[in-house]
Protein backbone atom coordinates (compact mmCIF):
# COMPACT_ATOMS: atom_id res chain seq x y z
CA MET A 1 151.08 10.08 41.05
CA SER A 2 150.59 12.84 38.49
CA ARG A 3 153.18 13.91 35.98
CA PRO A 4 153.81 17.31 37.66
CA SER A 5 154.52 15.53 40.97
CA ILE A 6 157.00 13.21 39.29
CA ARG A 7 158.70 16.14 37.60
CA PHE A 8 158.90 17.96 40.94
CA LEU A 9 160.44 14.94 42.70
CA ALA A 10 162.89 14.44 39.87
CA ALA A 11 163.85 18.09 39.97
CA ALA A 12 164.15 18.01 43.76
CA GLY A 13 166.35 14.93 43.59
CA LEU A 14 168.45 16.58 40.93
CA GLY A 15 168.66 19.63 43.15
CA PHE A 16 170.39 17.54 45.81
CA ALA A 17 172.43 15.39 43.48
CA LEU A 18 173.88 18.23 41.42
CA PRO A 19 175.53 20.08 44.36
CA LEU A 20 176.89 16.79 45.67
CA ALA A 21 178.33 15.98 42.26
CA VAL A 22 179.91 19.44 42.04
CA VAL A 23 181.35 19.17 45.55
CA GLY A 24 182.67 15.71 44.80
CA ALA A 25 184.26 16.89 41.58
CA CYS A 26 185.99 19.77 43.36
CA ALA A 27 187.28 17.73 46.27
CA THR A 28 190.98 17.04 46.10
CA PRO A 29 192.39 13.65 47.01
CA ARG A 30 194.21 13.42 50.33
CA GLU A 31 197.77 14.47 49.72
CA GLU A 32 200.60 12.31 50.95
CA VAL A 33 202.96 14.00 53.39
CA ALA A 34 206.41 14.32 51.94
CA PRO A 35 209.09 12.49 53.95
CA ALA A 36 210.98 15.70 54.64
CA THR A 37 207.96 17.28 56.32
CA ARG A 38 207.08 14.30 58.46
CA PRO A 39 208.32 14.67 62.01
CA ALA A 40 211.11 12.49 63.31
CA THR A 41 210.07 9.38 65.16
CA ALA A 42 210.24 9.71 68.92
CA VAL A 43 212.27 6.80 70.26
CA THR A 44 212.72 5.20 73.66
CA ALA A 45 216.17 4.56 75.07
CA THR A 46 215.72 0.81 74.69
CA ARG A 47 214.72 1.13 71.03
CA ALA A 48 217.55 3.61 70.42
CA GLN A 49 220.00 1.11 71.87
CA GLU A 50 218.67 -1.57 69.49
CA LEU A 51 218.97 0.79 66.52
CA VAL A 52 222.57 1.69 67.44
CA ALA A 53 223.41 -2.02 67.77
CA HIS A 54 222.21 -2.38 64.16
CA GLY A 55 224.24 0.54 62.80
CA ALA A 56 222.31 3.71 63.66
CA LEU A 57 224.32 6.86 64.35
CA LEU A 58 223.83 8.34 67.84
CA LEU A 59 224.22 12.10 67.42
CA ASP A 60 224.63 14.68 70.19
CA VAL A 61 223.44 18.06 68.83
CA ARG A 62 224.41 20.17 71.85
CA THR A 63 227.28 22.66 71.82
CA GLN A 64 230.89 21.48 71.83
CA GLU A 65 231.22 22.68 75.42
CA GLU A 66 228.19 20.65 76.53
CA TYR A 67 229.49 17.60 74.69
CA GLY A 68 232.86 18.00 76.43
CA GLU A 69 231.13 18.03 79.82
CA GLY A 70 229.80 14.52 79.14
CA HIS A 71 227.72 12.71 76.55
CA LEU A 72 226.10 9.36 75.90
CA VAL A 73 228.64 6.60 75.34
CA GLY A 74 229.14 6.05 71.62
CA ALA A 75 227.66 9.38 70.55
CA GLN A 76 229.23 11.52 67.87
CA HIS A 77 228.96 15.29 68.06
CA LEU A 78 227.47 17.66 65.49
CA SER A 79 225.82 20.74 66.98
CA LEU A 80 222.44 22.06 65.93
CA GLN A 81 224.18 25.26 64.84
CA SER A 82 226.46 23.27 62.52
CA LEU A 83 223.50 21.38 61.09
CA GLN A 84 221.64 24.64 60.48
CA ALA A 85 224.76 25.98 58.72
CA GLY A 86 224.66 23.04 56.30
CA GLU A 87 227.06 20.55 57.86
CA ARG A 88 225.82 16.94 57.71
CA PRO A 89 226.88 13.64 59.26
CA ALA A 90 229.10 11.66 56.90
CA ILE A 91 226.70 8.73 56.55
CA PRO A 92 224.32 7.54 53.85
CA ALA A 93 220.88 9.18 53.87
CA ASP A 94 219.21 5.82 54.50
CA GLN A 95 221.25 5.04 57.64
CA PRO A 96 219.20 5.64 60.80
CA VAL A 97 220.16 8.63 62.95
CA ILE A 98 219.19 9.17 66.59
CA VAL A 99 219.50 12.74 67.86
CA TYR A 100 219.51 14.05 71.42
CA CYS A 101 220.32 17.22 73.35
CA ARG A 102 219.93 18.56 76.89
CA THR A 103 216.14 19.03 77.00
CA GLY A 104 214.76 17.78 73.68
CA ARG A 105 214.19 21.13 72.04
CA ARG A 106 217.35 21.25 69.92
CA SER A 107 217.06 17.56 69.05
CA ALA A 108 213.60 18.20 67.58
CA GLN A 109 215.01 21.06 65.49
CA ALA A 110 218.01 18.99 64.43
CA ALA A 111 215.75 16.11 63.45
CA GLN A 112 213.75 18.43 61.19
CA VAL A 113 216.94 19.77 59.58
CA LEU A 114 218.11 16.21 58.89
CA ARG A 115 214.71 15.20 57.44
CA GLU A 116 214.75 18.23 55.15
CA ALA A 117 218.29 17.30 54.08
CA GLY A 118 217.02 13.91 52.92
CA PHE A 119 217.85 11.65 55.86
CA GLN A 120 215.12 9.02 55.80
CA HIS A 121 215.25 7.43 59.25
CA VAL A 122 215.58 10.14 61.89
CA HIS A 123 214.71 9.30 65.49
CA ASP A 124 214.51 11.80 68.34
CA LEU A 125 215.60 10.56 71.76
CA GLY A 126 214.94 14.00 73.21
CA ALA A 127 216.79 14.84 76.40
CA MET A 128 220.17 13.25 77.11
CA GLU A 129 218.87 11.98 80.45
CA ASN A 130 216.44 9.74 78.52
CA GLY A 131 219.37 7.69 77.24
CA VAL A 132 221.73 7.56 80.22
CA GLY A 133 220.27 4.30 81.54
CA ALA A 134 220.63 2.54 78.19
CA PHE A 135 223.91 4.00 76.95
CA GLY A 136 225.67 5.29 80.03
CA ALA A 137 227.26 8.71 80.17
CA SER A 138 230.80 9.50 79.23
CA PRO A 139 232.45 11.44 82.04
CA ALA A 140 233.38 15.06 81.53
CA VAL A 141 236.73 15.56 79.87
CA GLY A 142 239.41 15.90 82.53
CA GLN A 143 237.61 13.97 85.27
């Protein structure tokens, strides 16, 4: 092979290698997702029951009126509106919390608020009906 051919191949190889090196140098490493931005863990009723048996807080995030009409046995109440206004459950940030509401929409929002507030183990049961079989429902006040 002649010297000009070798130079051409070397230049051609360099032509491919140089852009790859530049692209590689500009690539950023995969960023870790901060705990506060990770979504809450969806949880089954059975798993929620196990977590509560080991100290997790079961939290109803519906309105006070809805809570008064019946809730899961053992649940404490703190509405989504209260959470959004800055109120927090009086528990350590590393204690697991399980949230639920009527349909699952408010519980997802509440879970995000709690994650952003620093709660590390937030689980979303979703709709109250998902937990009735495992926890039972407290009858409406006055019944």
